[in-house]
Amino acid sequence: MKPNPEWAELPAPIPAPLPVFEHKGKLVADSRDVATFVEKDHAHLLRDVRRYVKAIDKSLNPKLVSVDYFIPATYIDPTGRELPSFYLTEMGCEMVANKMTGDKGILFTAQYVQAFHTMRDELARRRELRAIGKPIRRSLTDALRDSGEVERMKGHAYGTYTNLAFKLATGKTARQLRRERGAAKDARAVDILSAAELEIYQRKEAAIAVLLDAGLYYDTIKAALSGEEAHR
């Protein structure tokens, strides 16, 4: 069968979605990921970005600040070397896209616009859930105190029960989540959950408080919330 000539004109599919994350209060994409999406060698993209940064920094317009577009960063390669990279804000991605032509530029624009929009919605949902979670957390703290678990577990009750909620929501303890997601050891694990994970975590946390108030203890609560029968 002869290949359809129209297929040959189509650009290679771009993986989705472009990874976007929060860095010091700004939503950004890593230049290595952007290079993949624009099908360009990372070194070549860095050369272009440095040219953009130089032009912005030379501008006499005080409103143009290069770090609003491109934030210098580094990464460790598989050999252990520290190498340069950049974090691109949405405006930085737009500058890269503006230099592209044809369908590749259109597809990259669609990808980064969607990615930044999705992450803004995700962060807004997380903020909503954290506000909802404050009274739930207080209820759990009160339930642990009133149940006597704080005294029985000699100060480890809150950590033990919140780890149970983390395990039920994600399959991981707080410590495992920090390690796997590259968070600092003292980071609040609840802050590195996705909105979907946070919603489940809060439901489990609330359920634990209810069961504690009903007079149940750790093993029974764990079995009940895991869908298992408690060993008697």
Foldseek 3Di string as FASTA:
>chain_A
DDDDPVVVPDDDDADDAQDWDDDPRAIWGWLVSLCSLLVHDSVVSVVVLVVVQVVQVPDPDPVRHSLVAWAWDWDQDPVRDIGIIIIGGLVNQVVVLVPDDDPSSVVSNVNSVVNVVVVVVFVVLLVVLVVVLPVLLVLLVVLCVVLCVCVVVVNCVVQVQLQLLLCLLPVGGLQVQCVVVVHDNPDDSLVPDTSSSNVSSSVLSNQVSVVSVVNDDDQCSSQVSVVHHRDD
